[in-house]
Amino acid sequence: MADIALRFFKDMLVVASPVQAALRRQGIEDARDQALAVLLEPETIEDAYRLETAAGPQCLVTPVADFAPARLTALGMEDAAEKLARAAVAIPRSFKPQHLLVEIAPCGLPLDPSSKGSLVENRDQYARAAGLFDAADFDAFFLNGFTTVDDLKCALMGLRKVSDAPVFASVDVTADGMLASGRGTLAEAVAVMAEFGASVAGFATLSAPARAAALATTVRETLGAQGADLCIMATLAARERNDRQQGSTPENPYYVPDTMVAAAADLRAAGVQFLRAAGNATPAYTGVLAAAVAGQDVAVE
């Protein structure tokens, strides 16, 4: 598999939408059932990847992200950790993607930033999660869905404790640049990404294209102030469409796949390299993004 680091700051790349949404549409709702499907019904997961792969993304993402020990325990799968990790890589790898990202979600443990013991415990959750992939064939880790600066810091420290693989890091943010938890800002999170070894600084938002581009500008300016050389990733979340919705609204700006065309242009102009549609996005969203940036290089000021 190609080394994704060789493409940093070069061509525009699209990351496939989460297959979890496709599984939910098939009635596989909760995280435990989705993890069980990876182990026991891989053909169901493969069907979702087949559609995403046909849409043309350069990067696929593993089908589950609950690899921290606390998350595995909550799913009742702590004894199947290594088997789940192997299957999570093997299924998307069978489609021969250009690049494969191993997603790791927040561990979910309480975190007291003033307690060294709490910080170490959280850091080690991510170190142990990353350790499951020591012998795996993948391009980068993808820390996704983070909503607090302290948890993100622990995750980056944990991964860097055991691996030198590239790390994509993404936080969920509101339109005004606050983290979804309300505890911290996008700029603060990006500063942590730069300090603790991320390769790609990302954010996920429900915001309309112009506002999403402004968030990307915040990322770029923060990195510049830090003197950091990180790529930028933007994830746009689509909500479930009401059939009566005939146009973009602040609550659901990405109500149909075609809305991704303008978003891709705005985000590229703001310096973003990696694009992804998430939430209730279908493979059609991925396909529009891939077509919108096909053959384009990253915009450089």
Protein backbone atom coordinates (compact mmCIF):
# COMPACT_ATOMS: atom_id res chain seq x y z
CA MET A 1 0.00 0.00 0.00
CA ALA A 2 1.28 3.45 -0.94
CA ASP A 3 2.68 5.76 1.71
CA ILE A 4 0.12 8.52 2.19
CA ALA A 5 2.79 10.89 3.51
CA LEU A 6 4.16 11.13 -0.02
CA ARG A 7 0.93 12.86 -1.06
CA PHE A 8 0.76 15.45 1.70
CA PHE A 9 0.36 18.99 0.29
CA LYS A 10 0.03 17.65 -3.25
CA ASP A 11 -3.23 16.38 -4.79
CA MET A 12 -6.70 16.72 -3.33
CA LEU A 13 -7.88 13.50 -1.69
CA VAL A 14 -11.33 12.27 -0.67
CA VAL A 15 -11.95 10.09 2.37
CA ALA A 16 -14.85 7.66 2.09
CA SER A 17 -17.97 8.29 4.15
CA PRO A 18 -18.47 6.18 7.29
CA VAL A 19 -19.95 2.79 6.50
CA GLN A 20 -21.75 2.90 9.85
CA ALA A 21 -24.46 5.04 8.25
CA ALA A 22 -25.01 2.41 5.57
CA LEU A 23 -25.21 -0.29 8.25
CA ARG A 24 -27.81 1.73 10.17
CA ARG A 25 -29.88 1.99 7.02
CA GLN A 26 -29.83 -1.83 6.96
CA GLY A 27 -31.04 -2.00 10.55
CA ILE A 28 -27.64 -2.65 12.16
CA GLU A 29 -28.00 0.21 14.59
CA ASP A 30 -25.72 0.14 17.61
CA ALA A 31 -21.96 -0.08 17.91
CA ARG A 32 -21.96 -3.60 19.34
CA ASP A 33 -24.05 -4.99 16.49
CA GLN A 34 -21.81 -3.27 13.96
CA ALA A 35 -18.70 -4.74 15.57
CA LEU A 36 -20.30 -8.17 15.61
CA ALA A 37 -21.13 -7.78 11.93
CA VAL A 38 -17.44 -7.14 11.22
CA LEU A 39 -16.61 -10.46 12.86
CA LEU A 40 -19.61 -12.60 11.95
CA GLU A 41 -21.17 -11.07 8.82
CA PRO A 42 -18.27 -9.54 6.88
CA GLU A 43 -20.24 -9.79 3.64
CA THR A 44 -22.63 -7.15 4.99
CA ILE A 45 -19.74 -4.78 5.63
CA GLU A 46 -18.24 -5.61 2.26
CA ASP A 47 -21.46 -4.56 0.51
CA ALA A 48 -21.17 -1.10 2.10
CA TYR A 49 -17.52 -0.79 1.06
CA ARG A 50 -18.31 -1.92 -2.46
CA LEU A 51 -20.64 1.04 -2.93
CA GLU A 52 -18.22 3.50 -1.34
CA THR A 53 -15.31 2.23 -3.40
CA ALA A 54 -17.31 2.67 -6.60
CA ALA A 55 -17.74 6.35 -5.70
CA GLY A 56 -14.01 6.92 -6.17
CA PRO A 57 -12.43 7.96 -2.85
CA GLN A 58 -8.69 7.62 -2.48
CA CYS A 59 -8.92 6.77 1.23
CA LEU A 60 -11.01 4.14 2.99
CA VAL A 61 -11.56 4.03 6.76
CA THR A 62 -11.93 0.99 9.00
CA PRO A 63 -15.57 0.04 9.75
CA VAL A 64 -15.35 0.32 13.54
CA ALA A 65 -13.50 2.74 15.78
CA ASP A 66 -14.03 1.28 19.27
CA PHE A 67 -10.54 -0.03 19.89
CA ALA A 68 -9.73 1.67 23.21
CA PRO A 69 -9.97 -0.94 26.00
CA ALA A 70 -12.78 0.97 27.75
CA ARG A 71 -14.83 1.02 24.55
CA LEU A 72 -14.21 -2.67 23.90
CA THR A 73 -15.28 -3.49 27.44
CA ALA A 74 -18.47 -1.48 27.03
CA LEU A 75 -19.23 -3.53 23.91
CA GLY A 76 -18.40 -6.78 25.71
CA MET A 77 -15.64 -7.46 23.18
CA GLU A 78 -12.48 -7.04 25.21
CA ASP A 79 -11.52 -10.68 24.53
CA ALA A 80 -11.92 -10.21 20.78
CA ALA A 81 -9.80 -7.07 20.44
CA GLU A 82 -7.06 -8.51 18.23
CA LYS A 83 -9.51 -10.43 16.07
CA LEU A 84 -11.65 -7.32 15.61
CA ALA A 85 -8.62 -5.22 14.69
CA ARG A 86 -7.49 -7.75 12.09
CA ALA A 87 -10.96 -7.98 10.54
CA ALA A 88 -11.41 -4.21 10.57
CA VAL A 89 -8.28 -3.84 8.42
CA ALA A 90 -8.80 -6.90 6.24
CA ILE A 91 -12.28 -5.99 5.00
CA PRO A 92 -11.50 -2.56 3.48
CA ARG A 93 -8.03 -3.70 2.40
CA SER A 94 -9.67 -6.38 0.24
CA PHE A 95 -10.93 -3.56 -2.00
CA LYS A 96 -7.35 -2.46 -2.67
CA PRO A 97 -7.72 1.19 -1.66
CA GLN A 98 -4.99 3.67 -2.43
CA HIS A 99 -4.86 4.43 1.30
CA LEU A 100 -6.39 2.98 4.46
CA LEU A 101 -7.00 4.88 7.69
CA VAL A 102 -7.46 3.12 11.03
CA GLU A 103 -10.08 5.07 12.96
CA ILE A 104 -9.89 5.31 16.75
CA ALA A 105 -12.72 6.99 18.63
CA PRO A 106 -12.57 8.74 22.03
CA CYS A 107 -12.16 6.20 24.82
CA GLY A 108 -15.04 7.64 26.84
CA LEU A 109 -13.36 7.48 30.23
CA PRO A 110 -13.78 10.42 32.66
CA LEU A 111 -10.76 12.69 32.46
CA ASP A 112 -9.47 14.99 35.16
CA PRO A 113 -6.82 17.23 33.57
CA SER A 114 -5.45 18.10 37.02
CA SER A 115 -4.76 14.45 37.87
CA LYS A 116 -1.60 12.83 36.53
CA GLY A 117 -3.11 9.41 37.15
CA SER A 118 -6.20 10.25 35.12
CA LEU A 119 -4.12 11.63 32.25
CA VAL A 120 -1.87 8.56 32.20
CA GLU A 121 -4.85 6.21 32.30
CA ASN A 122 -6.47 7.96 29.34
CA ARG A 123 -3.20 8.15 27.40
CA ASP A 124 -2.64 4.43 27.84
CA GLN A 125 -6.12 3.68 26.48
CA TYR A 126 -5.01 5.05 23.13
CA ALA A 127 -1.58 3.46 23.29
CA ARG A 128 -3.17 0.06 23.77
CA ALA A 129 -5.63 0.72 20.95
CA ALA A 130 -2.82 1.63 18.57
CA GLY A 131 -0.82 -1.39 19.69
CA LEU A 132 -3.49 -3.68 18.21
CA PHE A 133 -2.28 -2.61 14.75
CA ASP A 134 1.45 -3.23 15.16
CA ALA A 135 1.56 -5.74 12.32
CA ALA A 136 -1.28 -4.29 10.23
CA ASP A 137 -0.99 -2.88 6.71
CA PHE A 138 -2.44 0.65 6.82
CA ASP A 139 -1.40 4.21 6.04
CA ALA A 140 -2.39 6.32 9.04
CA PHE A 141 -4.34 6.47 12.25
CA PHE A 142 -7.49 8.59 12.26
CA LEU A 143 -8.42 10.06 15.64
CA ASN A 144 -12.01 11.07 14.99
CA GLY A 145 -14.95 12.50 16.90
CA PHE A 146 -13.00 14.28 19.62
CA THR A 147 -14.76 17.08 21.48
CA THR A 148 -12.31 18.16 24.19
CA VAL A 149 -8.72 19.37 23.99
CA ASP A 150 -7.52 17.25 26.92
CA ASP A 151 -8.87 14.00 25.48
CA LEU A 152 -7.30 14.80 22.13
CA LYS A 153 -3.97 15.49 23.82
CA CYS A 154 -4.08 12.13 25.61
CA ALA A 155 -4.94 10.36 22.36
CA LEU A 156 -2.03 11.90 20.47
CA MET A 157 0.38 11.18 23.30
CA GLY A 158 -0.83 7.60 23.49
CA LEU A 159 -0.40 6.96 19.79
CA ARG A 160 3.02 8.59 19.72
CA LYS A 161 4.06 6.40 22.64
CA VAL A 162 3.81 3.28 20.47
CA SER A 163 3.76 4.32 16.81
CA ASP A 164 5.37 6.72 14.34
CA ALA A 165 2.63 6.24 11.73
CA PRO A 166 0.99 9.42 10.37
CA VAL A 167 -1.98 10.59 12.44
CA PHE A 168 -5.09 12.34 11.17
CA ALA A 169 -6.82 14.14 14.05
CA SER A 170 -10.32 15.58 13.82
CA VAL A 171 -12.52 17.44 16.30
CA ASP A 172 -16.24 18.14 16.11
CA VAL A 173 -16.93 21.86 16.03
CA THR A 174 -19.84 24.27 15.88
CA ALA A 175 -20.16 27.06 13.33
CA ASP A 176 -18.52 29.57 15.67
CA GLY A 177 -15.41 27.45 16.13
CA MET A 178 -16.23 26.01 19.54
CA LEU A 179 -15.69 22.34 20.19
CA ALA A 180 -18.94 20.39 20.34
CA SER A 181 -18.53 19.88 24.10
CA GLY A 182 -18.32 23.64 24.63
CA ARG A 183 -14.97 23.10 26.34
CA GLY A 184 -12.36 24.65 24.11
CA THR A 185 -12.01 26.02 20.63
CA LEU A 186 -10.92 24.73 17.26
CA ALA A 187 -7.79 26.88 17.46
CA GLU A 188 -6.85 25.34 20.82
CA ALA A 189 -7.37 21.84 19.45
CA VAL A 190 -5.27 22.56 16.36
CA ALA A 191 -2.46 23.89 18.55
CA VAL A 192 -2.49 20.56 20.41
CA MET A 193 -2.44 18.67 17.11
CA ALA A 194 0.62 20.62 16.06
CA GLU A 195 2.41 20.17 19.38
CA PHE A 196 1.76 16.46 19.86
CA GLY A 197 2.60 15.01 16.49
CA ALA A 198 -0.47 14.97 14.27
CA SER A 199 0.16 14.93 10.53
CA VAL A 200 -3.27 16.19 9.47
CA ALA A 201 -5.39 18.72 11.38
CA GLY A 202 -9.08 18.16 10.84
CA PHE A 203 -12.52 19.26 11.88
CA ALA A 204 -16.07 18.00 11.35
CA THR A 205 -18.98 20.42 11.09
CA LEU A 206 -22.62 20.81 10.15
CA SER A 207 -21.89 24.33 8.92
CA ALA A 208 -22.69 25.60 5.44
CA PRO A 209 -19.82 25.85 2.89
CA ALA A 210 -18.84 29.46 3.56
CA ARG A 211 -18.70 28.91 7.30
CA ALA A 212 -16.85 25.61 6.90
CA ALA A 213 -14.28 27.44 4.78
CA ALA A 214 -13.91 30.03 7.54
CA LEU A 215 -13.21 27.21 10.00
CA ALA A 216 -10.56 25.88 7.61
CA THR A 217 -9.01 29.34 7.55
CA THR A 218 -8.87 29.25 11.35
CA VAL A 219 -6.98 25.96 11.14
CA ARG A 220 -4.56 27.32 8.56
CA GLU A 221 -3.89 30.52 10.51
CA THR A 222 -3.41 28.62 13.78
CA LEU A 223 -0.91 26.29 12.12
CA GLY A 224 0.90 29.28 10.68
CA ALA A 225 1.14 30.91 14.08
CA GLN A 226 2.54 27.65 15.47
CA GLY A 227 5.02 27.32 12.63
CA ALA A 228 3.52 23.88 12.00
CA ASP A 229 3.41 22.09 8.66
CA LEU A 230 0.22 20.02 8.82
CA CYS A 231 -2.27 19.17 6.10
CA ILE A 232 -5.91 20.13 6.67
CA MET A 233 -8.98 17.88 6.57
CA ALA A 234 -12.62 18.94 6.56
CA THR A 235 -15.58 16.66 7.21
CA LEU A 236 -19.05 17.90 6.32
CA ALA A 237 -21.96 16.26 8.12
CA ALA A 238 -25.19 15.61 6.24
CA ARG A 239 -28.37 15.16 8.22
CA GLU A 240 -31.26 12.96 7.17
CA ARG A 241 -33.25 14.77 4.52
CA ASN A 242 -36.88 15.66 4.98
CA ASP A 243 -38.57 14.92 1.65
CA ARG A 244 -40.16 18.36 1.78
CA GLN A 245 -36.79 20.09 1.95
CA GLN A 246 -36.14 21.79 -1.39
CA GLY A 247 -33.02 23.75 -0.59
CA SER A 248 -30.13 24.13 1.83
CA THR A 249 -31.01 25.32 5.33
CA PRO A 250 -28.77 26.26 8.28
CA GLU A 251 -29.93 23.07 9.99
CA ASN A 252 -29.14 20.84 7.00
CA PRO A 253 -27.03 22.61 4.37
CA TYR A 254 -25.95 19.33 2.74
CA TYR A 255 -29.40 17.96 2.09
CA VAL A 256 -28.46 16.45 -1.32
CA PRO A 257 -25.10 15.29 -2.72
CA ASP A 258 -24.84 18.15 -5.23
CA THR A 259 -24.32 20.60 -2.36
CA MET A 260 -20.83 19.14 -2.05
CA VAL A 261 -19.69 20.80 -5.28
CA ALA A 262 -19.65 24.35 -3.90
CA ALA A 263 -18.38 23.11 -0.55
CA ALA A 264 -15.42 21.35 -2.17
CA ALA A 265 -14.47 24.51 -4.07
CA ASP A 266 -14.70 26.73 -0.99
CA LEU A 267 -12.72 24.34 1.17
CA ARG A 268 -10.00 23.82 -1.41
CA ALA A 269 -9.63 27.59 -1.70
CA ALA A 270 -9.23 27.71 2.08
CA GLY A 271 -6.31 25.28 1.94
CA VAL A 272 -8.02 21.96 2.71
CA GLN A 273 -6.51 18.82 1.17
CA PHE A 274 -8.66 16.00 2.58
CA LEU A 275 -12.45 16.10 2.14
CA ARG A 276 -15.07 13.83 3.65
CA ALA A 277 -18.85 13.66 3.88
CA ALA A 278 -20.21 12.05 7.04
CA GLY A 279 -23.35 11.91 9.15
CA ASN A 280 -26.16 10.56 6.97
CA ALA A 281 -24.06 10.81 3.81
CA THR A 282 -24.46 8.14 1.15
CA PRO A 283 -21.86 7.01 -1.40
CA ALA A 284 -23.31 9.61 -3.75
CA TYR A 285 -21.85 12.33 -1.51
CA THR A 286 -18.44 10.74 -1.77
CA GLY A 287 -18.82 10.49 -5.52
CA VAL A 288 -19.64 14.18 -5.88
CA LEU A 289 -16.64 15.17 -3.77
CA ALA A 290 -14.35 12.89 -5.78
CA ALA A 291 -15.62 14.33 -9.08
CA ALA A 292 -15.42 17.90 -7.80
CA VAL A 293 -11.70 17.74 -6.99
CA ALA A 294 -10.52 15.17 -9.53
CA GLY A 295 -7.12 16.13 -10.92
CA GLN A 296 -6.77 19.18 -8.68
CA ASP A 297 -3.81 19.97 -6.49
CA VAL A 298 -3.99 21.52 -3.05
CA ALA A 299 -4.41 25.28 -3.28
CA VAL A 300 -1.27 27.07 -2.20
CA GLU A 301 -1.18 30.78 -1.35
